[in-house]
Amino acid sequence: DDPWLVAIAVALGVFPPFAGPVIYLLFR
C-alpha cells in the first residue's frame, strides 16, 4: 500500500539484475 515501499521493491528488482526479483519473491 505504501508508495515508498513499492519504490524500494522496484529498486531491489532492478539493481541486482536477475537476483533482485528472486529476493523480492522471498520477502514480498
mmCIF file of all heavy atoms, coordinates in Angstrom:
data_MODEL
# 
_entry.id   MODEL 
# 
loop_
_atom_site.group_PDB 
_atom_site.id 
_atom_site.type_symbol 
_atom_site.label_atom_id 
_atom_site.label_alt_id 
_atom_site.label_comp_id 
_atom_site.label_asym_id 
_atom_site.label_entity_id 
_atom_site.label_seq_id 
_atom_site.pdbx_PDB_ins_code 
_atom_site.Cartn_x 
_atom_site.Cartn_y 
_atom_site.Cartn_z 
_atom_site.occupancy 
_atom_site.B_iso_or_equiv 
_atom_site.pdbx_formal_charge 
_atom_site.auth_seq_id 
_atom_site.auth_comp_id 
_atom_site.auth_asym_id 
_atom_site.auth_atom_id 
_atom_site.pdbx_PDB_model_num 
ATOM 1   N N   . ASP A 1 1  ? 0.816  -1.213  0.000   1.00 0.00 ? 1  ASP A N   1 
ATOM 2   C CA  . ASP A 1 1  ? 0.000  0.000   0.000   1.00 0.00 ? 1  ASP A CA  1 
ATOM 3   C C   . ASP A 1 1  ? 0.853  1.269   0.000   1.00 0.00 ? 1  ASP A C   1 
ATOM 4   O O   . ASP A 1 1  ? 0.448  2.281   -0.554  1.00 0.00 ? 1  ASP A O   1 
ATOM 5   C CB  . ASP A 1 1  ? -0.915 -0.020  1.224   1.00 0.00 ? 1  ASP A CB  1 
ATOM 6   C CG  . ASP A 1 1  ? -2.103 0.885   1.083   1.00 0.00 ? 1  ASP A CG  1 
ATOM 7   O OD1 . ASP A 1 1  ? -2.434 1.247   -0.063  1.00 0.00 ? 1  ASP A OD1 1 
ATOM 8   O OD2 . ASP A 1 1  ? -2.722 1.227   2.103   1.00 0.00 ? 1  ASP A OD2 1 
ATOM 9   N N   . ASP A 1 2  ? 2.017  1.234   0.591   1.00 0.00 ? 2  ASP A N   1 
ATOM 10  C CA  . ASP A 1 2  ? 2.872  2.409   0.742   1.00 0.00 ? 2  ASP A CA  1 
ATOM 11  C C   . ASP A 1 2  ? 3.705  2.635   -0.528  1.00 0.00 ? 2  ASP A C   1 
ATOM 12  O O   . ASP A 1 2  ? 4.436  1.738   -0.953  1.00 0.00 ? 2  ASP A O   1 
ATOM 13  C CB  . ASP A 1 2  ? 3.789  2.212   1.950   1.00 0.00 ? 2  ASP A CB  1 
ATOM 14  C CG  . ASP A 1 2  ? 4.603  3.436   2.279   1.00 0.00 ? 2  ASP A CG  1 
ATOM 15  O OD1 . ASP A 1 2  ? 4.262  4.532   1.793   1.00 0.00 ? 2  ASP A OD1 1 
ATOM 16  O OD2 . ASP A 1 2  ? 5.587  3.301   3.040   1.00 0.00 ? 2  ASP A OD2 1 
ATOM 17  N N   . PRO A 1 3  ? 3.631  3.830   -1.156  1.00 0.00 ? 3  PRO A N   1 
ATOM 18  C CA  . PRO A 1 3  ? 4.390  4.078   -2.383  1.00 0.00 ? 3  PRO A CA  1 
ATOM 19  C C   . PRO A 1 3  ? 5.916  4.002   -2.189  1.00 0.00 ? 3  PRO A C   1 
ATOM 20  O O   . PRO A 1 3  ? 6.630  3.602   -3.102  1.00 0.00 ? 3  PRO A O   1 
ATOM 21  C CB  . PRO A 1 3  ? 3.979  5.483   -2.813  1.00 0.00 ? 3  PRO A CB  1 
ATOM 22  C CG  . PRO A 1 3  ? 2.793  5.834   -2.007  1.00 0.00 ? 3  PRO A CG  1 
ATOM 23  C CD  . PRO A 1 3  ? 2.743  4.939   -0.831  1.00 0.00 ? 3  PRO A CD  1 
ATOM 24  N N   . TRP A 1 4  ? 6.391  4.367   -1.022  1.00 0.00 ? 4  TRP A N   1 
ATOM 25  C CA  . TRP A 1 4  ? 7.834  4.270   -0.774  1.00 0.00 ? 4  TRP A CA  1 
ATOM 26  C C   . TRP A 1 4  ? 8.300  2.820   -0.763  1.00 0.00 ? 4  TRP A C   1 
ATOM 27  O O   . TRP A 1 4  ? 9.367  2.492   -1.295  1.00 0.00 ? 4  TRP A O   1 
ATOM 28  C CB  . TRP A 1 4  ? 8.202  4.954   0.549   1.00 0.00 ? 4  TRP A CB  1 
ATOM 29  C CG  . TRP A 1 4  ? 8.226  6.439   0.427   1.00 0.00 ? 4  TRP A CG  1 
ATOM 30  C CD1 . TRP A 1 4  ? 7.262  7.308   0.824   1.00 0.00 ? 4  TRP A CD1 1 
ATOM 31  C CD2 . TRP A 1 4  ? 9.250  7.226   -0.186  1.00 0.00 ? 4  TRP A CD2 1 
ATOM 32  N NE1 . TRP A 1 4  ? 7.621  8.590   0.516   1.00 0.00 ? 4  TRP A NE1 1 
ATOM 33  C CE2 . TRP A 1 4  ? 8.849  8.565   -0.102  1.00 0.00 ? 4  TRP A CE2 1 
ATOM 34  C CE3 . TRP A 1 4  ? 10.466 6.927   -0.785  1.00 0.00 ? 4  TRP A CE3 1 
ATOM 35  C CZ2 . TRP A 1 4  ? 9.610  9.600   -0.596  1.00 0.00 ? 4  TRP A CZ2 1 
ATOM 36  C CZ3 . TRP A 1 4  ? 11.235 7.963   -1.274  1.00 0.00 ? 4  TRP A CZ3 1 
ATOM 37  C CH2 . TRP A 1 4  ? 10.803 9.283   -1.183  1.00 0.00 ? 4  TRP A CH2 1 
ATOM 38  N N   . LEU A 1 5  ? 7.528  1.962   -0.163  1.00 0.00 ? 5  LEU A N   1 
ATOM 39  C CA  . LEU A 1 5  ? 7.891  0.547   -0.157  1.00 0.00 ? 5  LEU A CA  1 
ATOM 40  C C   . LEU A 1 5  ? 7.810  -0.060  -1.554  1.00 0.00 ? 5  LEU A C   1 
ATOM 41  O O   . LEU A 1 5  ? 8.595  -0.945  -1.897  1.00 0.00 ? 5  LEU A O   1 
ATOM 42  C CB  . LEU A 1 5  ? 7.003  -0.216  0.825   1.00 0.00 ? 5  LEU A CB  1 
ATOM 43  C CG  . LEU A 1 5  ? 7.227  0.092   2.303   1.00 0.00 ? 5  LEU A CG  1 
ATOM 44  C CD1 . LEU A 1 5  ? 6.238  -0.670  3.157   1.00 0.00 ? 5  LEU A CD1 1 
ATOM 45  C CD2 . LEU A 1 5  ? 8.650  -0.223  2.714   1.00 0.00 ? 5  LEU A CD2 1 
ATOM 46  N N   . VAL A 1 6  ? 6.868  0.416   -2.353  1.00 0.00 ? 6  VAL A N   1 
ATOM 47  C CA  . VAL A 1 6  ? 6.798  -0.042  -3.751  1.00 0.00 ? 6  VAL A CA  1 
ATOM 48  C C   . VAL A 1 6  ? 8.069  0.374   -4.487  1.00 0.00 ? 6  VAL A C   1 
ATOM 49  O O   . VAL A 1 6  ? 8.670  -0.423  -5.232  1.00 0.00 ? 6  VAL A O   1 
ATOM 50  C CB  . VAL A 1 6  ? 5.541  0.511   -4.455  1.00 0.00 ? 6  VAL A CB  1 
ATOM 51  C CG1 . VAL A 1 6  ? 5.583  0.219   -5.939  1.00 0.00 ? 6  VAL A CG1 1 
ATOM 52  C CG2 . VAL A 1 6  ? 4.279  -0.068  -3.838  1.00 0.00 ? 6  VAL A CG2 1 
ATOM 53  N N   . ALA A 1 7  ? 8.513  1.616   -4.283  1.00 0.00 ? 7  ALA A N   1 
ATOM 54  C CA  . ALA A 1 7  ? 9.736  2.100   -4.942  1.00 0.00 ? 7  ALA A CA  1 
ATOM 55  C C   . ALA A 1 7  ? 10.947 1.296   -4.494  1.00 0.00 ? 7  ALA A C   1 
ATOM 56  O O   . ALA A 1 7  ? 11.818 0.952   -5.314  1.00 0.00 ? 7  ALA A O   1 
ATOM 57  C CB  . ALA A 1 7  ? 9.933  3.582   -4.641  1.00 0.00 ? 7  ALA A CB  1 
ATOM 58  N N   . ILE A 1 8  ? 11.029 0.969   -3.210  1.00 0.00 ? 8  ILE A N   1 
ATOM 59  C CA  . ILE A 1 8  ? 12.155 0.167   -2.717  1.00 0.00 ? 8  ILE A CA  1 
ATOM 60  C C   . ILE A 1 8  ? 12.115 -1.234  -3.323  1.00 0.00 ? 8  ILE A C   1 
ATOM 61  O O   . ILE A 1 8  ? 13.151 -1.776  -3.713  1.00 0.00 ? 8  ILE A O   1 
ATOM 62  C CB  . ILE A 1 8  ? 12.135 0.128   -1.179  1.00 0.00 ? 8  ILE A CB  1 
ATOM 63  C CG1 . ILE A 1 8  ? 12.485 1.516   -0.624  1.00 0.00 ? 8  ILE A CG1 1 
ATOM 64  C CG2 . ILE A 1 8  ? 13.107 -0.911  -0.646  1.00 0.00 ? 8  ILE A CG2 1 
ATOM 65  C CD1 . ILE A 1 8  ? 12.274 1.658   0.863   1.00 0.00 ? 8  ILE A CD1 1 
ATOM 66  N N   . ALA A 1 9  ? 10.924 -1.818  -3.423  1.00 0.00 ? 9  ALA A N   1 
ATOM 67  C CA  . ALA A 1 9  ? 10.798 -3.152  -4.020  1.00 0.00 ? 9  ALA A CA  1 
ATOM 68  C C   . ALA A 1 9  ? 11.219 -3.137  -5.485  1.00 0.00 ? 9  ALA A C   1 
ATOM 69  O O   . ALA A 1 9  ? 11.903 -4.044  -5.960  1.00 0.00 ? 9  ALA A O   1 
ATOM 70  C CB  . ALA A 1 9  ? 9.366  -3.658  -3.877  1.00 0.00 ? 9  ALA A CB  1 
ATOM 71  N N   . VAL A 1 10 ? 10.830 -2.088  -6.213  1.00 0.00 ? 10 VAL A N   1 
ATOM 72  C CA  . VAL A 1 10 ? 11.212 -1.992  -7.623  1.00 0.00 ? 10 VAL A CA  1 
ATOM 73  C C   . VAL A 1 10 ? 12.727 -1.801  -7.740  1.00 0.00 ? 10 VAL A C   1 
ATOM 74  O O   . VAL A 1 10 ? 13.372 -2.407  -8.601  1.00 0.00 ? 10 VAL A O   1 
ATOM 75  C CB  . VAL A 1 10 ? 10.444 -0.848  -8.320  1.00 0.00 ? 10 VAL A CB  1 
ATOM 76  C CG1 . VAL A 1 10 ? 10.987 -0.589  -9.712  1.00 0.00 ? 10 VAL A CG1 1 
ATOM 77  C CG2 . VAL A 1 10 ? 8.972  -1.193  -8.395  1.00 0.00 ? 10 VAL A CG2 1 
ATOM 78  N N   . ALA A 1 11 ? 13.309 -0.965  -6.873  1.00 0.00 ? 11 ALA A N   1 
ATOM 79  C CA  . ALA A 1 11 ? 14.770 -0.784  -6.907  1.00 0.00 ? 11 ALA A CA  1 
ATOM 80  C C   . ALA A 1 11 ? 15.478 -2.104  -6.624  1.00 0.00 ? 11 ALA A C   1 
ATOM 81  O O   . ALA A 1 11 ? 16.485 -2.427  -7.261  1.00 0.00 ? 11 ALA A O   1 
ATOM 82  C CB  . ALA A 1 11 ? 15.187 0.278   -5.893  1.00 0.00 ? 11 ALA A CB  1 
ATOM 83  N N   . LEU A 1 12 ? 14.940 -2.880  -5.697  1.00 0.00 ? 12 LEU A N   1 
ATOM 84  C CA  . LEU A 1 12 ? 15.509 -4.192  -5.409  1.00 0.00 ? 12 LEU A CA  1 
ATOM 85  C C   . LEU A 1 12 ? 15.365 -5.117  -6.616  1.00 0.00 ? 12 LEU A C   1 
ATOM 86  O O   . LEU A 1 12 ? 16.256 -5.915  -6.903  1.00 0.00 ? 12 LEU A O   1 
ATOM 87  C CB  . LEU A 1 12 ? 14.824 -4.812  -4.193  1.00 0.00 ? 12 LEU A CB  1 
ATOM 88  C CG  . LEU A 1 12 ? 15.259 -6.216  -3.822  1.00 0.00 ? 12 LEU A CG  1 
ATOM 89  C CD1 . LEU A 1 12 ? 16.691 -6.191  -3.299  1.00 0.00 ? 12 LEU A CD1 1 
ATOM 90  C CD2 . LEU A 1 12 ? 14.327 -6.806  -2.788  1.00 0.00 ? 12 LEU A CD2 1 
ATOM 91  N N   . GLY A 1 13 ? 14.258 -5.010  -7.329  1.00 0.00 ? 13 GLY A N   1 
ATOM 92  C CA  . GLY A 1 13 ? 14.042 -5.856  -8.500  1.00 0.00 ? 13 GLY A CA  1 
ATOM 93  C C   . GLY A 1 13 ? 14.873 -5.459  -9.705  1.00 0.00 ? 13 GLY A C   1 
ATOM 94  O O   . GLY A 1 13 ? 15.096 -6.253  -10.601 1.00 0.00 ? 13 GLY A O   1 
ATOM 95  N N   . VAL A 1 14 ? 15.376 -4.190  -9.733  1.00 0.00 ? 14 VAL A N   1 
ATOM 96  C CA  . VAL A 1 14 ? 16.124 -3.710  -10.890 1.00 0.00 ? 14 VAL A CA  1 
ATOM 97  C C   . VAL A 1 14 ? 17.629 -3.851  -10.695 1.00 0.00 ? 14 VAL A C   1 
ATOM 98  O O   . VAL A 1 14 ? 18.337 -4.324  -11.580 1.00 0.00 ? 14 VAL A O   1 
ATOM 99  C CB  . VAL A 1 14 ? 15.763 -2.230  -11.174 1.00 0.00 ? 14 VAL A CB  1 
ATOM 100 C CG1 . VAL A 1 14 ? 16.680 -1.633  -12.218 1.00 0.00 ? 14 VAL A CG1 1 
ATOM 101 C CG2 . VAL A 1 14 ? 14.330 -2.128  -11.636 1.00 0.00 ? 14 VAL A CG2 1 
ATOM 102 N N   . PHE A 1 15 ? 18.127 -3.433  -9.557  1.00 0.00 ? 15 PHE A N   1 
ATOM 103 C CA  . PHE A 1 15 ? 19.568 -3.255  -9.435  1.00 0.00 ? 15 PHE A CA  1 
ATOM 104 C C   . PHE A 1 15 ? 20.388 -4.515  -9.223  1.00 0.00 ? 15 PHE A C   1 
ATOM 105 O O   . PHE A 1 15 ? 21.444 -4.608  -9.816  1.00 0.00 ? 15 PHE A O   1 
ATOM 106 C CB  . PHE A 1 15 ? 19.887 -2.179  -8.397  1.00 0.00 ? 15 PHE A CB  1 
ATOM 107 C CG  . PHE A 1 15 ? 19.467 -0.840  -8.901  1.00 0.00 ? 15 PHE A CG  1 
ATOM 108 C CD1 . PHE A 1 15 ? 18.534 -0.092  -8.223  1.00 0.00 ? 15 PHE A CD1 1 
ATOM 109 C CD2 . PHE A 1 15 ? 19.958 -0.339  -10.087 1.00 0.00 ? 15 PHE A CD2 1 
ATOM 110 C CE1 . PHE A 1 15 ? 18.125 1.134   -8.699  1.00 0.00 ? 15 PHE A CE1 1 
ATOM 111 C CE2 . PHE A 1 15 ? 19.549 0.889   -10.575 1.00 0.00 ? 15 PHE A CE2 1 
ATOM 112 C CZ  . PHE A 1 15 ? 18.632 1.622   -9.872  1.00 0.00 ? 15 PHE A CZ  1 
ATOM 113 N N   . PRO A 1 16 ? 20.038 -5.491  -8.471  1.00 0.00 ? 16 PRO A N   1 
ATOM 114 C CA  . PRO A 1 16 ? 20.791 -6.737  -8.663  1.00 0.00 ? 16 PRO A CA  1 
ATOM 115 C C   . PRO A 1 16 ? 20.091 -7.513  -9.779  1.00 0.00 ? 16 PRO A C   1 
ATOM 116 O O   . PRO A 1 16 ? 19.117 -8.216  -9.525  1.00 0.00 ? 16 PRO A O   1 
ATOM 117 C CB  . PRO A 1 16 ? 20.709 -7.463  -7.326  1.00 0.00 ? 16 PRO A CB  1 
ATOM 118 C CG  . PRO A 1 16 ? 19.721 -6.735  -6.505  1.00 0.00 ? 16 PRO A CG  1 
ATOM 119 C CD  . PRO A 1 16 ? 19.302 -5.507  -7.240  1.00 0.00 ? 16 PRO A CD  1 
ATOM 120 N N   . PRO A 1 17 ? 20.527 -7.326  -11.035 1.00 0.00 ? 17 PRO A N   1 
ATOM 121 C CA  . PRO A 1 17 ? 19.789 -7.929  -12.149 1.00 0.00 ? 17 PRO A CA  1 
ATOM 122 C C   . PRO A 1 17 ? 19.626 -9.439  -11.973 1.00 0.00 ? 17 PRO A C   1 
ATOM 123 O O   . PRO A 1 17 ? 20.569 -10.119 -11.602 1.00 0.00 ? 17 PRO A O   1 
ATOM 124 C CB  . PRO A 1 17 ? 20.622 -7.616  -13.381 1.00 0.00 ? 17 PRO A CB  1 
ATOM 125 C CG  . PRO A 1 17 ? 21.700 -6.707  -12.941 1.00 0.00 ? 17 PRO A CG  1 
ATOM 126 C CD  . PRO A 1 17 ? 21.737 -6.689  -11.459 1.00 0.00 ? 17 PRO A CD  1 
ATOM 127 N N   . PHE A 1 18 ? 18.453 -9.907  -12.223 1.00 0.00 ? 18 PHE A N   1 
ATOM 128 C CA  . PHE A 1 18 ? 18.051 -11.305 -12.190 1.00 0.00 ? 18 PHE A CA  1 
ATOM 129 C C   . PHE A 1 18 ? 18.025 -11.891 -10.781 1.00 0.00 ? 18 PHE A C   1 
ATOM 130 O O   . PHE A 1 18 ? 17.281 -12.813 -10.532 1.00 0.00 ? 18 PHE A O   1 
ATOM 131 C CB  . PHE A 1 18 ? 18.927 -12.172 -13.103 1.00 0.00 ? 18 PHE A CB  1 
ATOM 132 C CG  . PHE A 1 18 ? 19.017 -11.637 -14.495 1.00 0.00 ? 18 PHE A CG  1 
ATOM 133 C CD1 . PHE A 1 18 ? 20.212 -11.141 -14.993 1.00 0.00 ? 18 PHE A CD1 1 
ATOM 134 C CD2 . PHE A 1 18 ? 17.900 -11.589 -15.304 1.00 0.00 ? 18 PHE A CD2 1 
ATOM 135 C CE1 . PHE A 1 18 ? 20.291 -10.633 -16.266 1.00 0.00 ? 18 PHE A CE1 1 
ATOM 136 C CE2 . PHE A 1 18 ? 17.975 -11.067 -16.581 1.00 0.00 ? 18 PHE A CE2 1 
ATOM 137 C CZ  . PHE A 1 18 ? 19.172 -10.590 -17.067 1.00 0.00 ? 18 PHE A CZ  1 
ATOM 138 N N   . ALA A 1 19 ? 18.789 -11.384 -9.848  1.00 0.00 ? 19 ALA A N   1 
ATOM 139 C CA  . ALA A 1 19 ? 18.732 -11.863 -8.461  1.00 0.00 ? 19 ALA A CA  1 
ATOM 140 C C   . ALA A 1 19 ? 17.701 -11.047 -7.670  1.00 0.00 ? 19 ALA A C   1 
ATOM 141 O O   . ALA A 1 19 ? 17.104 -11.552 -6.722  1.00 0.00 ? 19 ALA A O   1 
ATOM 142 C CB  . ALA A 1 19 ? 20.093 -11.764 -7.809  1.00 0.00 ? 19 ALA A CB  1 
ATOM 143 N N   . GLY A 1 20 ? 17.499 -9.787  -8.051  1.00 0.00 ? 20 GLY A N   1 
ATOM 144 C CA  . GLY A 1 20 ? 16.562 -8.920  -7.343  1.00 0.00 ? 20 GLY A CA  1 
ATOM 145 C C   . GLY A 1 20 ? 15.138 -9.450  -7.321  1.00 0.00 ? 20 GLY A C   1 
ATOM 146 O O   . GLY A 1 20 ? 14.510 -9.473  -6.257  1.00 0.00 ? 20 GLY A O   1 
ATOM 147 N N   . PRO A 1 21 ? 14.571 -9.883  -8.459  1.00 0.00 ? 21 PRO A N   1 
ATOM 148 C CA  . PRO A 1 21 ? 13.215 -10.440 -8.423  1.00 0.00 ? 21 PRO A CA  1 
ATOM 149 C C   . PRO A 1 21 ? 13.100 -11.689 -7.551  1.00 0.00 ? 21 PRO A C   1 
ATOM 150 O O   . PRO A 1 21 ? 12.077 -11.903 -6.907  1.00 0.00 ? 21 PRO A O   1 
ATOM 151 C CB  . PRO A 1 21 ? 12.913 -10.760 -9.892  1.00 0.00 ? 21 PRO A CB  1 
ATOM 152 C CG  . PRO A 1 21 ? 13.753 -9.805  -10.647 1.00 0.00 ? 21 PRO A CG  1 
ATOM 153 C CD  . PRO A 1 21 ? 15.012 -9.650  -9.838  1.00 0.00 ? 21 PRO A CD  1 
ATOM 154 N N   . VAL A 1 22 ? 14.154 -12.492 -7.509  1.00 0.00 ? 22 VAL A N   1 
ATOM 155 C CA  . VAL A 1 22 ? 14.125 -13.681 -6.651  1.00 0.00 ? 22 VAL A CA  1 
ATOM 156 C C   . VAL A 1 22 ? 14.109 -13.257 -5.183  1.00 0.00 ? 22 VAL A C   1 
ATOM 157 O O   . VAL A 1 22 ? 13.351 -13.802 -4.372  1.00 0.00 ? 22 VAL A O   1 
ATOM 158 C CB  . VAL A 1 22 ? 15.326 -14.604 -6.952  1.00 0.00 ? 22 VAL A CB  1 
ATOM 159 C CG1 . VAL A 1 22 ? 15.387 -15.762 -5.977  1.00 0.00 ? 22 VAL A CG1 1 
ATOM 160 C CG2 . VAL A 1 22 ? 15.255 -15.111 -8.377  1.00 0.00 ? 22 VAL A CG2 1 
ATOM 161 N N   . ILE A 1 23 ? 14.910 -12.259 -4.833  1.00 0.00 ? 23 ILE A N   1 
ATOM 162 C CA  . ILE A 1 23 ? 14.918 -11.743 -3.463  1.00 0.00 ? 23 ILE A CA  1 
ATOM 163 C C   . ILE A 1 23 ? 13.548 -11.143 -3.141  1.00 0.00 ? 23 ILE A C   1 
ATOM 164 O O   . ILE A 1 23 ? 13.012 -11.359 -2.052  1.00 0.00 ? 23 ILE A O   1 
ATOM 165 C CB  . ILE A 1 23 ? 16.047 -10.706 -3.279  1.00 0.00 ? 23 ILE A CB  1 
ATOM 166 C CG1 . ILE A 1 23 ? 17.408 -11.384 -3.445  1.00 0.00 ? 23 ILE A CG1 1 
ATOM 167 C CG2 . ILE A 1 23 ? 15.953 -10.030 -1.926  1.00 0.00 ? 23 ILE A CG2 1 
ATOM 168 C CD1 . ILE A 1 23 ? 18.562 -10.415 -3.538  1.00 0.00 ? 23 ILE A CD1 1 
ATOM 169 N N   . TYR A 1 24 ? 12.980 -10.394 -4.086  1.00 0.00 ? 24 TYR A N   1 
ATOM 170 C CA  . TYR A 1 24 ? 11.638 -9.827  -3.883  1.00 0.00 ? 24 TYR A CA  1 
ATOM 171 C C   . TYR A 1 24 ? 10.621 -10.933 -3.645  1.00 0.00 ? 24 TYR A C   1 
ATOM 172 O O   . TYR A 1 24 ? 9.751  -10.813 -2.780  1.00 0.00 ? 24 TYR A O   1 
ATOM 173 C CB  . TYR A 1 24 ? 11.232 -8.967  -5.078  1.00 0.00 ? 24 TYR A CB  1 
ATOM 174 C CG  . TYR A 1 24 ? 9.782  -8.567  -5.050  1.00 0.00 ? 24 TYR A CG  1 
ATOM 175 C CD1 . TYR A 1 24 ? 9.336  -7.591  -4.171  1.00 0.00 ? 24 TYR A CD1 1 
ATOM 176 C CD2 . TYR A 1 24 ? 8.850  -9.191  -5.865  1.00 0.00 ? 24 TYR A CD2 1 
ATOM 177 C CE1 . TYR A 1 24 ? 7.993  -7.242  -4.120  1.00 0.00 ? 24 TYR A CE1 1 
ATOM 178 C CE2 . TYR A 1 24 ? 7.519  -8.848  -5.821  1.00 0.00 ? 24 TYR A CE2 1 
ATOM 179 C CZ  . TYR A 1 24 ? 7.094  -7.876  -4.951  1.00 0.00 ? 24 TYR A CZ  1 
ATOM 180 O OH  . TYR A 1 24 ? 5.765  -7.538  -4.890  1.00 0.00 ? 24 TYR A OH  1 
ATOM 181 N N   . LEU A 1 25 ? 10.708 -12.031 -4.410  1.00 0.00 ? 25 LEU A N   1 
ATOM 182 C CA  . LEU A 1 25 ? 9.781  -13.147 -4.229  1.00 0.00 ? 25 LEU A CA  1 
ATOM 183 C C   . LEU A 1 25 ? 9.849  -13.721 -2.815  1.00 0.00 ? 25 LEU A C   1 
ATOM 184 O O   . LEU A 1 25 ? 8.836  -14.150 -2.266  1.00 0.00 ? 25 LEU A O   1 
ATOM 185 C CB  . LEU A 1 25 ? 10.097 -14.263 -5.224  1.00 0.00 ? 25 LEU A CB  1 
ATOM 186 C CG  . LEU A 1 25 ? 9.495  -14.149 -6.602  1.00 0.00 ? 25 LEU A CG  1 
ATOM 187 C CD1 . LEU A 1 25 ? 10.035 -15.231 -7.503  1.00 0.00 ? 25 LEU A CD1 1 
ATOM 188 C CD2 . LEU A 1 25 ? 8.000  -14.223 -6.545  1.00 0.00 ? 25 LEU A CD2 1 
ATOM 189 N N   . LEU A 1 26 ? 11.024 -13.724 -2.232  1.00 0.00 ? 26 LEU A N   1 
ATOM 190 C CA  . LEU A 1 26 ? 11.175 -14.290 -0.893  1.00 0.00 ? 26 LEU A CA  1 
ATOM 191 C C   . LEU A 1 26 ? 10.582 -13.402 0.195   1.00 0.00 ? 26 LEU A C   1 
ATOM 192 O O   . LEU A 1 26 ? 10.149 -13.895 1.226   1.00 0.00 ? 26 LEU A O   1 
ATOM 193 C CB  . LEU A 1 26 ? 12.662 -14.540 -0.602  1.00 0.00 ? 26 LEU A CB  1 
ATOM 194 C CG  . LEU A 1 26 ? 13.334 -15.597 -1.474  1.00 0.00 ? 26 LEU A CG  1 
ATOM 195 C CD1 . LEU A 1 26 ? 14.821 -15.647 -1.178  1.00 0.00 ? 26 LEU A CD1 1 
ATOM 196 C CD2 . LEU A 1 26 ? 12.706 -16.955 -1.271  1.00 0.00 ? 26 LEU A CD2 1 
ATOM 197 N N   . PHE A 1 27 ? 10.573 -12.080 -0.032  1.00 0.00 ? 27 PHE A N   1 
ATOM 198 C CA  . PHE A 1 27 ? 10.170 -11.163 1.021   1.00 0.00 ? 27 PHE A CA  1 
ATOM 199 C C   . PHE A 1 27 ? 8.894  -10.371 0.727   1.00 0.00 ? 27 PHE A C   1 
ATOM 200 O O   . PHE A 1 27 ? 8.531  -9.501  1.511   1.00 0.00 ? 27 PHE A O   1 
ATOM 201 C CB  . PHE A 1 27 ? 11.307 -10.181 1.318   1.00 0.00 ? 27 PHE A CB  1 
ATOM 202 C CG  . PHE A 1 27 ? 12.511 -10.858 1.894   1.00 0.00 ? 27 PHE A CG  1 
ATOM 203 C CD1 . PHE A 1 27 ? 13.635 -11.076 1.128   1.00 0.00 ? 27 PHE A CD1 1 
ATOM 204 C CD2 . PHE A 1 27 ? 12.501 -11.302 3.205   1.00 0.00 ? 27 PHE A CD2 1 
ATOM 205 C CE1 . PHE A 1 27 ? 14.736 -11.720 1.654   1.00 0.00 ? 27 PHE A CE1 1 
ATOM 206 C CE2 . PHE A 1 27 ? 13.596 -11.940 3.740   1.00 0.00 ? 27 PHE A CE2 1 
ATOM 207 C CZ  . PHE A 1 27 ? 14.724 -12.150 2.963   1.00 0.00 ? 27 PHE A CZ  1 
ATOM 208 N N   . ARG A 1 28 ? 8.212  -10.644 -0.355  1.00 0.00 ? 28 ARG A N   1 
ATOM 209 C CA  . ARG A 1 28 ? 7.011  -9.888  -0.685  1.00 0.00 ? 28 ARG A CA  1 
ATOM 210 C C   . ARG A 1 28 ? 5.871  -10.286 0.243   1.00 0.00 ? 28 ARG A C   1 
ATOM 211 O O   . ARG A 1 28 ? 5.862  -11.376 0.819   1.00 0.00 ? 28 ARG A O   1 
ATOM 212 C CB  . ARG A 1 28 ? 6.624  -10.116 -2.130  1.00 0.00 ? 28 ARG A CB  1 
ATOM 213 C CG  . ARG A 1 28 ? 6.077  -11.499 -2.392  1.00 0.00 ? 28 ARG A CG  1 
ATOM 214 C CD  . ARG A 1 28 ? 5.759  -11.685 -3.843  1.00 0.00 ? 28 ARG A CD  1 
ATOM 215 N NE  . ARG A 1 28 ? 5.219  -13.026 -4.061  1.00 0.00 ? 28 ARG A NE  1 
ATOM 216 C CZ  . ARG A 1 28 ? 4.675  -13.410 -5.165  1.00 0.00 ? 28 ARG A CZ  1 
ATOM 217 N NH1 . ARG A 1 28 ? 4.595  -12.567 -6.178  1.00 0.00 ? 28 ARG A NH1 1 
ATOM 218 N NH2 . ARG A 1 28 ? 4.208  -14.617 -5.294  1.00 0.00 ? 28 ARG A NH2 1 
# 
